[in-house]
């Protein structure tokens, strides 16, 4: 057990340091995911002019929640895995006694830690602009939400990693994921 914890700490610290090198790029990744907040502006304006089931405050809460949750469900493993297979960079990892999937898991988790200050800053700015939309969920809903977000990330990650295995047989495994993403949308 101590060995596993040591490996996890090492992987997370290495990939955290690696992601820190690209923190400016990560800031732009966060900004590129502002679509829910743009849609929020459209829907809150529409809710003021028409009769919907939600008012403008409820739309604001919904879309800030969507923005925050989307930050945890982003997965790009298939693109990196495909590149590693095609360029031969995966071969040394296959010789290690640890499954290469753990490199991807650590990279994704470290990226979430790096992205968190940017996300919290944007959410803080949002609540400064829309103070009436601020709310605190009860503890049960918060814990259930965290569990569901973790499960959705795990499911999305496993789906992409499964599709990434096709990179051993085809050069365009990402095309399979893009096809499934169309169904997902």
N, C-alpha and C. Protein backbone atom coordinates (compact mmCIF):
# COMPACT_ATOMS: atom_id res chain seq x y z
N UNK A 1 0.82 -1.19 0.00
CA UNK A 1 0.00 0.00 0.00
C UNK A 1 0.86 1.26 0.00
N UNK A 2 1.96 1.24 0.78
CA UNK A 2 2.85 2.40 0.83
C UNK A 2 3.47 2.65 -0.54
N UNK A 3 3.79 1.56 -1.24
CA UNK A 3 4.39 1.69 -2.57
C UNK A 3 3.39 2.34 -3.54
N UNK A 4 2.14 1.94 -3.46
CA UNK A 4 1.12 2.51 -4.35
C UNK A 4 0.93 4.00 -4.07
N UNK A 5 0.90 4.38 -2.80
CA UNK A 5 0.75 5.79 -2.44
C UNK A 5 1.95 6.59 -2.91
N UNK A 6 3.14 6.02 -2.78
CA UNK A 6 4.35 6.70 -3.25
C UNK A 6 4.31 6.89 -4.76
N UNK A 7 3.86 5.89 -5.49
CA UNK A 7 3.75 5.99 -6.95
C UNK A 7 2.73 7.05 -7.34
N UNK A 8 1.59 7.07 -6.66
CA UNK A 8 0.55 8.06 -6.95
C UNK A 8 1.08 9.48 -6.69
N UNK A 9 1.76 9.68 -5.56
CA UNK A 9 2.33 10.99 -5.24
C UNK A 9 3.34 11.42 -6.30
N UNK A 10 4.18 10.48 -6.70
CA UNK A 10 5.20 10.78 -7.71
C UNK A 10 4.57 11.16 -9.03
N UNK A 11 3.61 10.36 -9.49
CA UNK A 11 2.95 10.66 -10.76
C UNK A 11 2.26 12.01 -10.71
N UNK A 12 1.51 12.27 -9.64
CA UNK A 12 0.79 13.55 -9.55
C UNK A 12 1.75 14.73 -9.48
N UNK A 13 2.84 14.61 -8.75
CA UNK A 13 3.79 15.73 -8.66
C UNK A 13 4.50 15.96 -9.99
N UNK A 14 4.86 14.88 -10.69
CA UNK A 14 5.53 15.03 -11.98
C UNK A 14 4.59 15.68 -13.00
N UNK A 15 3.35 15.20 -13.08
CA UNK A 15 2.43 15.76 -14.06
C UNK A 15 1.92 17.13 -13.65
N UNK A 16 1.89 17.42 -12.36
CA UNK A 16 1.55 18.76 -11.90
C UNK A 16 2.62 19.75 -12.36
N UNK A 17 3.89 19.37 -12.17
CA UNK A 17 4.99 20.23 -12.62
C UNK A 17 4.95 20.39 -14.14
N UNK A 18 4.65 19.32 -14.84
CA UNK A 18 4.56 19.39 -16.30
C UNK A 18 3.44 20.33 -16.74
N UNK A 19 2.30 20.25 -16.09
CA UNK A 19 1.18 21.12 -16.45
C UNK A 19 1.44 22.57 -16.05
N UNK A 20 2.22 22.80 -15.01
CA UNK A 20 2.54 24.17 -14.61
C UNK A 20 3.32 24.89 -15.70
N UNK A 21 4.07 24.13 -16.50
CA UNK A 21 4.80 24.74 -17.60
C UNK A 21 3.85 25.35 -18.63
N UNK A 22 2.65 24.80 -18.71
CA UNK A 22 1.69 25.21 -19.72
C UNK A 22 0.50 25.96 -19.11
N UNK A 23 0.70 26.63 -17.98
CA UNK A 23 -0.43 27.27 -17.30
C UNK A 23 -1.06 28.37 -18.13
N UNK A 24 -0.30 29.07 -18.97
CA UNK A 24 -0.91 30.09 -19.84
C UNK A 24 -1.83 29.41 -20.85
N UNK A 25 -1.40 28.29 -21.38
CA UNK A 25 -2.25 27.53 -22.31
C UNK A 25 -3.50 27.02 -21.60
N UNK A 26 -3.35 26.59 -20.38
CA UNK A 26 -4.50 26.10 -19.62
C UNK A 26 -5.48 27.23 -19.36
N UNK A 27 -4.98 28.45 -19.13
CA UNK A 27 -5.86 29.60 -18.98
C UNK A 27 -6.71 29.78 -20.23
N UNK A 28 -6.11 29.62 -21.39
CA UNK A 28 -6.87 29.75 -22.63
C UNK A 28 -7.84 28.59 -22.82
N UNK A 29 -7.49 27.41 -22.32
CA UNK A 29 -8.43 26.27 -22.37
C UNK A 29 -9.66 26.60 -21.54
N UNK A 30 -9.45 27.18 -20.36
CA UNK A 30 -10.57 27.55 -19.52
C UNK A 30 -11.44 28.58 -20.24
N UNK A 31 -10.81 29.57 -20.84
CA UNK A 31 -11.56 30.60 -21.55
C UNK A 31 -12.32 30.03 -22.75
N UNK A 32 -11.74 29.01 -23.37
CA UNK A 32 -12.41 28.42 -24.53
C UNK A 32 -13.68 27.67 -24.14
N UNK A 33 -13.84 27.39 -22.88
CA UNK A 33 -15.03 26.67 -22.40
C UNK A 33 -16.07 27.61 -21.80
N UNK A 34 -16.06 28.86 -22.21
CA UNK A 34 -17.01 29.84 -21.70
C UNK A 34 -18.35 29.80 -22.42
N UNK A 35 -18.55 28.87 -23.33
CA UNK A 35 -19.80 28.80 -24.08
C UNK A 35 -21.03 28.74 -23.16
N UNK A 36 -21.03 27.94 -22.07
CA UNK A 36 -22.22 27.97 -21.20
C UNK A 36 -22.53 29.35 -20.64
N UNK A 37 -21.50 30.14 -20.37
CA UNK A 37 -21.77 31.48 -19.84
C UNK A 37 -22.30 32.42 -20.92
N UNK A 38 -21.86 32.23 -22.15
CA UNK A 38 -22.40 33.01 -23.26
C UNK A 38 -23.87 32.64 -23.48
N UNK A 39 -24.15 31.33 -23.45
CA UNK A 39 -25.54 30.88 -23.60
C UNK A 39 -26.40 31.37 -22.44
N UNK A 40 -25.80 31.50 -21.26
CA UNK A 40 -26.53 32.00 -20.11
C UNK A 40 -27.06 33.40 -20.38
N UNK A 41 -26.22 34.24 -20.97
CA UNK A 41 -26.66 35.59 -21.29
C UNK A 41 -27.85 35.59 -22.23
N UNK A 42 -27.81 34.71 -23.22
CA UNK A 42 -28.92 34.62 -24.18
C UNK A 42 -30.19 34.15 -23.49
N UNK A 43 -30.08 33.12 -22.67
CA UNK A 43 -31.27 32.55 -22.03
C UNK A 43 -31.83 33.45 -20.94
N UNK A 44 -30.96 34.13 -20.19
CA UNK A 44 -31.50 35.04 -19.18
C UNK A 44 -32.24 36.20 -19.83
N UNK A 45 -31.72 36.69 -20.95
CA UNK A 45 -32.42 37.76 -21.67
C UNK A 45 -33.75 37.24 -22.22
N UNK A 46 -33.74 36.01 -22.75
CA UNK A 46 -34.98 35.42 -23.27
C UNK A 46 -35.99 35.19 -22.15
N UNK A 47 -35.52 34.81 -20.96
CA UNK A 47 -36.45 34.55 -19.86
C UNK A 47 -37.11 35.82 -19.36
N UNK A 48 -36.48 36.97 -19.58
CA UNK A 48 -37.07 38.23 -19.17
C UNK A 48 -38.17 38.67 -20.14
N UNK A 49 -38.06 38.22 -21.38
CA UNK A 49 -39.02 38.64 -22.40
C UNK A 49 -40.13 37.62 -22.66
N UNK A 50 -39.90 36.37 -22.26
CA UNK A 50 -40.89 35.32 -22.55
C UNK A 50 -41.17 34.54 -21.28
N UNK A 51 -42.14 33.67 -21.36
CA UNK A 51 -42.53 32.85 -20.20
C UNK A 51 -41.87 31.47 -20.32
N UNK A 52 -40.91 31.20 -19.44
CA UNK A 52 -40.24 29.91 -19.37
C UNK A 52 -40.47 29.32 -17.99
N UNK A 53 -40.07 28.07 -17.82
CA UNK A 53 -40.22 27.43 -16.52
C UNK A 53 -39.22 27.93 -15.50
N UNK A 54 -38.15 28.61 -15.96
CA UNK A 54 -37.12 29.14 -15.07
C UNK A 54 -37.05 30.65 -15.21
N UNK A 55 -36.70 31.32 -14.13
CA UNK A 55 -36.48 32.76 -14.22
C UNK A 55 -35.01 33.02 -14.51
N UNK A 56 -34.62 34.27 -14.63
CA UNK A 56 -33.25 34.60 -15.03
C UNK A 56 -32.23 34.15 -13.98
N UNK A 57 -32.56 34.19 -12.71
CA UNK A 57 -31.64 33.74 -11.65
C UNK A 57 -31.41 32.24 -11.75
N UNK A 58 -32.47 31.48 -11.97
CA UNK A 58 -32.34 30.03 -12.10
C UNK A 58 -31.54 29.66 -13.35
N UNK A 59 -31.71 30.41 -14.45
CA UNK A 59 -30.89 30.18 -15.63
C UNK A 59 -29.42 30.46 -15.33
N UNK A 60 -29.14 31.53 -14.63
CA UNK A 60 -27.76 31.87 -14.27
C UNK A 60 -27.14 30.77 -13.43
N UNK A 61 -27.88 30.27 -12.44
CA UNK A 61 -27.37 29.18 -11.60
C UNK A 61 -27.12 27.92 -12.41
N UNK A 62 -28.05 27.62 -13.32
CA UNK A 62 -27.90 26.44 -14.15
C UNK A 62 -26.64 26.52 -15.01
N UNK A 63 -26.45 27.65 -15.69
CA UNK A 63 -25.34 27.76 -16.62
C UNK A 63 -23.99 27.88 -15.92
N UNK A 64 -23.93 28.48 -14.73
CA UNK A 64 -22.66 28.51 -14.01
C UNK A 64 -22.33 27.10 -13.51
N UNK A 65 -23.35 26.34 -13.17
CA UNK A 65 -23.13 24.94 -12.78
C UNK A 65 -22.63 24.13 -13.96
N UNK A 66 -23.22 24.35 -15.13
CA UNK A 66 -22.78 23.64 -16.33
C UNK A 66 -21.33 23.99 -16.63
N UNK A 67 -20.98 25.26 -16.54
CA UNK A 67 -19.60 25.68 -16.78
C UNK A 67 -18.65 24.96 -15.83
N UNK A 68 -18.99 24.96 -14.54
CA UNK A 68 -18.12 24.36 -13.54
C UNK A 68 -17.98 22.85 -13.74
N UNK A 69 -19.08 22.17 -14.01
CA UNK A 69 -19.05 20.71 -14.19
C UNK A 69 -18.28 20.34 -15.45
N UNK A 70 -18.43 21.13 -16.51
CA UNK A 70 -17.71 20.83 -17.76
C UNK A 70 -16.20 20.87 -17.56
N UNK A 71 -15.73 21.65 -16.60
CA UNK A 71 -14.29 21.73 -16.35
C UNK A 71 -13.73 20.40 -15.83
N UNK A 72 -14.59 19.58 -15.25
CA UNK A 72 -14.14 18.31 -14.71
C UNK A 72 -14.34 17.15 -15.68
N UNK A 73 -15.12 17.33 -16.70
CA UNK A 73 -15.44 16.23 -17.62
C UNK A 73 -14.65 16.27 -18.92
N UNK A 74 -13.72 17.18 -19.05
CA UNK A 74 -12.92 17.25 -20.27
C UNK A 74 -11.89 16.13 -20.28
N UNK A 75 -11.84 15.41 -21.37
CA UNK A 75 -10.90 14.30 -21.51
C UNK A 75 -10.29 14.38 -22.90
N UNK A 76 -9.01 14.20 -22.99
CA UNK A 76 -8.32 14.26 -24.27
C UNK A 76 -7.38 13.06 -24.46
N UNK A 77 -7.58 12.00 -23.72
CA UNK A 77 -6.66 10.87 -23.71
C UNK A 77 -6.50 10.23 -25.09
N UNK A 78 -7.56 10.17 -25.87
CA UNK A 78 -7.47 9.48 -27.15
C UNK A 78 -6.49 10.18 -28.10
N UNK A 79 -6.45 11.48 -28.06
CA UNK A 79 -5.57 12.23 -28.96
C UNK A 79 -4.11 12.04 -28.58
N UNK A 80 -3.80 12.08 -27.28
CA UNK A 80 -2.42 11.85 -26.84
C UNK A 80 -2.00 10.40 -27.06
N UNK A 81 -2.89 9.47 -26.75
CA UNK A 81 -2.56 8.06 -26.91
C UNK A 81 -2.31 7.73 -28.37
N UNK A 82 -3.16 8.24 -29.25
CA UNK A 82 -2.98 8.00 -30.68
C UNK A 82 -1.64 8.56 -31.16
N UNK A 83 -1.30 9.76 -30.71
CA UNK A 83 -0.02 10.37 -31.09
C UNK A 83 1.16 9.55 -30.57
N UNK A 84 1.05 9.07 -29.33
CA UNK A 84 2.13 8.27 -28.75
C UNK A 84 2.32 6.96 -29.50
N UNK A 85 1.23 6.35 -29.93
CA UNK A 85 1.33 5.09 -30.68
C UNK A 85 1.94 5.35 -32.05
N UNK A 86 1.46 6.37 -32.73
CA UNK A 86 1.93 6.65 -34.09
C UNK A 86 3.39 7.08 -34.12
N UNK A 87 3.84 7.78 -33.10
CA UNK A 87 5.21 8.26 -33.07
C UNK A 87 6.16 7.32 -32.34
N UNK A 88 5.64 6.23 -31.79
CA UNK A 88 6.48 5.26 -31.10
C UNK A 88 6.88 5.67 -29.69
N UNK A 89 6.23 6.68 -29.13
CA UNK A 89 6.56 7.14 -27.78
C UNK A 89 5.92 6.27 -26.70
N UNK A 90 4.99 5.41 -27.09
CA UNK A 90 4.33 4.55 -26.10
C UNK A 90 5.18 3.34 -25.75
N UNK A 91 6.05 2.93 -26.64
CA UNK A 91 6.84 1.71 -26.44
C UNK A 91 7.61 1.70 -25.12
N UNK A 92 8.33 2.77 -24.74
CA UNK A 92 9.02 2.73 -23.45
C UNK A 92 8.07 2.59 -22.26
N UNK A 93 6.89 3.17 -22.37
CA UNK A 93 5.92 3.06 -21.27
C UNK A 93 5.36 1.66 -21.17
N UNK A 94 5.27 0.96 -22.28
CA UNK A 94 4.78 -0.42 -22.25
C UNK A 94 5.78 -1.35 -21.58
N UNK A 95 7.03 -0.95 -21.54
CA UNK A 95 8.05 -1.75 -20.87
C UNK A 95 8.12 -1.50 -19.37
N UNK A 96 7.48 -0.45 -18.91
CA UNK A 96 7.47 -0.16 -17.48
C UNK A 96 6.51 -1.11 -16.76
N UNK A 97 6.73 -1.34 -15.47
CA UNK A 97 5.83 -2.25 -14.73
C UNK A 97 4.48 -1.63 -14.37
N UNK A 98 4.23 -0.42 -14.82
CA UNK A 98 2.97 0.26 -14.53
C UNK A 98 2.23 0.46 -15.84
N UNK A 99 0.94 0.20 -15.80
CA UNK A 99 0.11 0.37 -16.99
C UNK A 99 0.15 1.82 -17.46
N UNK A 100 0.30 2.06 -18.78
CA UNK A 100 0.36 3.44 -19.29
C UNK A 100 -0.89 4.28 -19.00
N UNK A 101 -1.99 3.63 -18.68
CA UNK A 101 -3.21 4.40 -18.38
C UNK A 101 -2.99 5.31 -17.18
N UNK A 102 -2.14 4.91 -16.24
CA UNK A 102 -1.94 5.71 -15.04
C UNK A 102 -1.20 7.00 -15.33
N UNK A 103 -0.39 7.00 -16.40
CA UNK A 103 0.22 8.27 -16.82
C UNK A 103 -0.87 9.24 -17.28
N UNK A 104 -1.83 8.72 -18.03
CA UNK A 104 -2.92 9.57 -18.52
C UNK A 104 -3.81 10.05 -17.37
N UNK A 105 -4.12 9.17 -16.44
CA UNK A 105 -4.95 9.54 -15.29
C UNK A 105 -4.26 10.65 -14.49
N UNK A 106 -2.97 10.47 -14.23
CA UNK A 106 -2.23 11.48 -13.47
C UNK A 106 -2.18 12.81 -14.21
N UNK A 107 -1.99 12.77 -15.52
CA UNK A 107 -1.96 14.02 -16.30
C UNK A 107 -3.30 14.73 -16.23
N UNK A 108 -4.39 13.98 -16.33
CA UNK A 108 -5.71 14.59 -16.28
C UNK A 108 -6.00 15.17 -14.89
N UNK A 109 -5.66 14.45 -13.85
CA UNK A 109 -5.91 14.95 -12.49
C UNK A 109 -5.06 16.17 -12.18
N UNK A 110 -3.79 16.14 -12.60
CA UNK A 110 -2.92 17.30 -12.36
C UNK A 110 -3.43 18.52 -13.11
N UNK A 111 -3.94 18.30 -14.31
CA UNK A 111 -4.49 19.41 -15.08
C UNK A 111 -5.70 20.01 -14.38
N UNK A 112 -6.49 19.19 -13.71
CA UNK A 112 -7.64 19.71 -12.97
C UNK A 112 -7.19 20.61 -11.82
N UNK A 113 -6.10 20.23 -11.15
CA UNK A 113 -5.59 21.05 -10.05
C UNK A 113 -5.05 22.39 -10.57
N UNK A 114 -4.39 22.36 -11.72
CA UNK A 114 -3.86 23.59 -12.30
C UNK A 114 -5.00 24.49 -12.76
N UNK A 115 -6.03 23.91 -13.31
CA UNK A 115 -7.16 24.66 -13.86
C UNK A 115 -8.04 25.27 -12.77
N UNK A 116 -8.04 24.70 -11.58
CA UNK A 116 -8.95 25.11 -10.52
C UNK A 116 -8.85 26.59 -10.15
N UNK A 117 -7.66 27.20 -9.97
CA UNK A 117 -7.63 28.62 -9.63
C UNK A 117 -8.28 29.51 -10.70
N UNK A 118 -8.07 29.17 -11.98
CA UNK A 118 -8.69 29.94 -13.06
C UNK A 118 -10.21 29.81 -12.99
N UNK A 119 -10.67 28.57 -12.77
CA UNK A 119 -12.11 28.33 -12.68
C UNK A 119 -12.72 29.09 -11.51
N UNK A 120 -12.09 29.01 -10.37
CA UNK A 120 -12.62 29.70 -9.19
C UNK A 120 -12.61 31.21 -9.39
N UNK A 121 -11.59 31.73 -10.08
CA UNK A 121 -11.56 33.15 -10.38
C UNK A 121 -12.71 33.57 -11.28
N UNK A 122 -12.99 32.77 -12.31
CA UNK A 122 -14.11 33.07 -13.20
C UNK A 122 -15.45 32.96 -12.48
N UNK A 123 -15.57 31.96 -11.62
CA UNK A 123 -16.81 31.80 -10.86
C UNK A 123 -16.97 32.95 -9.86
N UNK A 124 -15.87 33.36 -9.23
CA UNK A 124 -15.92 34.53 -8.34
C UNK A 124 -16.34 35.78 -9.08
N UNK A 125 -15.81 35.98 -10.29
CA UNK A 125 -16.20 37.11 -11.12
C UNK A 125 -17.68 37.03 -11.49
N UNK A 126 -18.13 35.81 -11.79
CA UNK A 126 -19.54 35.61 -12.11
C UNK A 126 -20.42 36.04 -10.94
N UNK A 127 -20.07 35.61 -9.72
CA UNK A 127 -20.90 35.95 -8.56
C UNK A 127 -20.78 37.43 -8.17
N UNK A 128 -19.69 38.08 -8.58
CA UNK A 128 -19.62 39.54 -8.40
C UNK A 128 -20.59 40.24 -9.35
N UNK A 129 -20.71 39.70 -10.57
CA UNK A 129 -21.61 40.30 -11.55
C UNK A 129 -23.07 39.93 -11.29
N UNK A 130 -23.29 38.73 -10.76
CA UNK A 130 -24.65 38.23 -10.48
C UNK A 130 -24.74 37.78 -9.02
N UNK A 131 -24.69 38.70 -8.07
CA UNK A 131 -24.69 38.29 -6.65
C UNK A 131 -25.98 37.58 -6.23
N UNK A 132 -27.08 37.89 -6.91
CA UNK A 132 -28.34 37.24 -6.55
C UNK A 132 -28.37 35.76 -6.95
N UNK A 133 -27.44 35.35 -7.82
CA UNK A 133 -27.39 33.94 -8.24
C UNK A 133 -26.59 33.08 -7.28
N UNK A 134 -25.93 33.68 -6.31
CA UNK A 134 -25.11 32.91 -5.37
C UNK A 134 -26.01 32.04 -4.47
N UNK A 135 -25.58 30.83 -4.27
CA UNK A 135 -26.31 29.92 -3.40
C UNK A 135 -25.32 28.89 -2.86
N UNK A 136 -25.70 28.25 -1.80
CA UNK A 136 -24.87 27.19 -1.20
C UNK A 136 -25.73 25.94 -1.14
N UNK A 137 -25.33 24.88 -1.84
CA UNK A 137 -26.12 23.65 -1.79
C UNK A 137 -25.96 22.98 -0.43
N UNK A 138 -26.95 22.16 -0.07
CA UNK A 138 -26.80 21.45 1.20
C UNK A 138 -25.73 20.36 1.04
N UNK A 139 -25.23 19.89 2.14
CA UNK A 139 -24.09 18.96 2.13
C UNK A 139 -24.40 17.68 1.38
N UNK A 140 -25.59 17.14 1.55
CA UNK A 140 -25.96 15.90 0.86
C UNK A 140 -25.93 16.06 -0.65
N UNK A 141 -26.52 17.15 -1.13
CA UNK A 141 -26.51 17.40 -2.58
C UNK A 141 -25.10 17.66 -3.09
N UNK A 142 -24.29 18.35 -2.31
CA UNK A 142 -22.91 18.63 -2.70
C UNK A 142 -22.11 17.34 -2.83
N UNK A 143 -22.23 16.45 -1.84
CA UNK A 143 -21.50 15.18 -1.90
C UNK A 143 -22.00 14.29 -3.03
N UNK A 144 -23.30 14.26 -3.22
CA UNK A 144 -23.85 13.49 -4.32
C UNK A 144 -23.40 14.06 -5.67
N UNK A 145 -23.36 15.37 -5.78
CA UNK A 145 -22.88 16.00 -7.00
C UNK A 145 -21.42 15.68 -7.27
N UNK A 146 -20.59 15.71 -6.23
CA UNK A 146 -19.17 15.36 -6.40
C UNK A 146 -19.01 13.91 -6.85
N UNK A 147 -19.81 13.02 -6.29
CA UNK A 147 -19.75 11.61 -6.69
C UNK A 147 -20.15 11.45 -8.16
N UNK A 148 -21.22 12.11 -8.55
CA UNK A 148 -21.69 12.00 -9.94
C UNK A 148 -20.68 12.60 -10.91
N UNK A 149 -20.06 13.71 -10.54
CA UNK A 149 -19.04 14.33 -11.41
C UNK A 149 -17.84 13.39 -11.55
N UNK A 150 -17.41 12.79 -10.45
CA UNK A 150 -16.28 11.85 -10.52
C UNK A 150 -16.64 10.64 -11.38
N UNK A 151 -17.85 10.15 -11.24
CA UNK A 151 -18.27 9.00 -12.05
C UNK A 151 -18.38 9.38 -13.53
N UNK A 152 -18.86 10.57 -13.82
CA UNK A 152 -18.97 10.98 -15.22
C UNK A 152 -17.59 11.18 -15.84
N UNK A 153 -16.64 11.72 -15.06
CA UNK A 153 -15.27 11.83 -15.57
C UNK A 153 -14.70 10.44 -15.84
N UNK A 154 -14.90 9.53 -14.89
CA UNK A 154 -14.38 8.17 -15.06
C UNK A 154 -14.99 7.48 -16.28
N UNK A 155 -16.28 7.65 -16.47
CA UNK A 155 -16.94 7.06 -17.64
C UNK A 155 -16.41 7.65 -18.93
N UNK A 156 -16.30 8.97 -18.99
CA UNK A 156 -15.79 9.63 -20.19
C UNK A 156 -14.35 9.22 -20.47
N UNK A 157 -13.54 9.12 -19.41
CA UNK A 157 -12.15 8.71 -19.54
C UNK A 157 -12.06 7.28 -20.06
N UNK A 158 -12.85 6.39 -19.48
CA UNK A 158 -12.82 4.98 -19.91
C UNK A 158 -13.31 4.82 -21.35
N UNK A 159 -14.30 5.61 -21.73
CA UNK A 159 -14.77 5.55 -23.12
C UNK A 159 -13.65 5.96 -24.07
N UNK A 160 -13.00 7.06 -23.77
CA UNK A 160 -11.93 7.52 -24.66
C UNK A 160 -10.74 6.56 -24.64
N UNK A 161 -10.40 6.03 -23.48
CA UNK A 161 -9.27 5.11 -23.42
C UNK A 161 -9.57 3.82 -24.19
N UNK A 162 -10.82 3.39 -24.13
CA UNK A 162 -11.22 2.20 -24.89
C UNK A 162 -11.10 2.47 -26.38
N UNK A 163 -11.59 3.62 -26.82
CA UNK A 163 -11.45 3.98 -28.23
C UNK A 163 -9.99 4.18 -28.60
N UNK A 164 -9.18 4.64 -27.66
CA UNK A 164 -7.76 4.85 -27.93
C UNK A 164 -7.04 3.54 -28.24
N UNK A 165 -7.55 2.44 -27.73
CA UNK A 165 -6.93 1.14 -28.01
C UNK A 165 -6.97 0.79 -29.51
N UNK A 166 -7.92 1.40 -30.22
CA UNK A 166 -7.97 1.18 -31.67
C UNK A 166 -6.76 1.77 -32.38
N UNK A 167 -5.99 2.62 -31.69
CA UNK A 167 -4.80 3.20 -32.30
C UNK A 167 -3.76 2.13 -32.62
N UNK A 168 -3.87 0.97 -31.99
CA UNK A 168 -2.97 -0.13 -32.32
C UNK A 168 -3.29 -0.74 -33.68
N UNK A 169 -4.52 -0.53 -34.17
CA UNK A 169 -4.94 -1.14 -35.43
C UNK A 169 -5.21 -0.13 -36.54
N UNK A 170 -5.48 1.11 -36.18
CA UNK A 170 -5.78 2.12 -37.18
C UNK A 170 -5.06 3.41 -36.83
N UNK A 171 -4.78 4.21 -37.82
CA UNK A 171 -4.07 5.46 -37.57
C UNK A 171 -5.00 6.58 -37.10
N UNK A 172 -6.28 6.40 -37.25
CA UNK A 172 -7.24 7.45 -36.90
C UNK A 172 -8.24 6.96 -35.85
N UNK A 173 -7.74 6.57 -34.70
CA UNK A 173 -8.63 6.14 -33.62
C UNK A 173 -9.47 7.32 -33.13
N UNK A 174 -8.95 8.52 -33.26
CA UNK A 174 -9.71 9.69 -32.81
C UNK A 174 -10.97 9.88 -33.65
N UNK A 175 -10.97 9.38 -34.89
CA UNK A 175 -12.18 9.48 -35.72
C UNK A 175 -13.32 8.67 -35.11
N UNK A 176 -13.00 7.55 -34.48
CA UNK A 176 -14.02 6.74 -33.82
C UNK A 176 -14.61 7.51 -32.65
N UNK A 177 -13.75 8.18 -31.91
CA UNK A 177 -14.22 8.98 -30.78
C UNK A 177 -15.06 10.15 -31.26
N UNK A 178 -14.66 10.77 -32.36
CA UNK A 178 -15.43 11.89 -32.89
C UNK A 178 -16.81 11.43 -33.35
N UNK A 179 -16.90 10.24 -33.92
CA UNK A 179 -18.19 9.69 -34.30
C UNK A 179 -19.07 9.46 -33.06
N UNK A 180 -18.48 8.89 -32.02
CA UNK A 180 -19.25 8.66 -30.79
C UNK A 180 -19.63 9.99 -30.14
N UNK A 181 -18.78 11.02 -30.31
CA UNK A 181 -19.08 12.33 -29.73
C UNK A 181 -20.30 12.95 -30.41
N UNK A 182 -20.47 12.68 -31.69
CA UNK A 182 -21.66 13.16 -32.38
C UNK A 182 -22.91 12.57 -31.75
N UNK A 183 -22.86 11.28 -31.44
CA UNK A 183 -23.99 10.64 -30.77
C UNK A 183 -24.18 11.21 -29.36
N UNK A 184 -23.06 11.50 -28.69
CA UNK A 184 -23.09 12.08 -27.36
C UNK A 184 -23.77 13.44 -27.37
N UNK A 185 -23.43 14.25 -28.39
CA UNK A 185 -24.05 15.57 -28.48
C UNK A 185 -25.53 15.46 -28.77
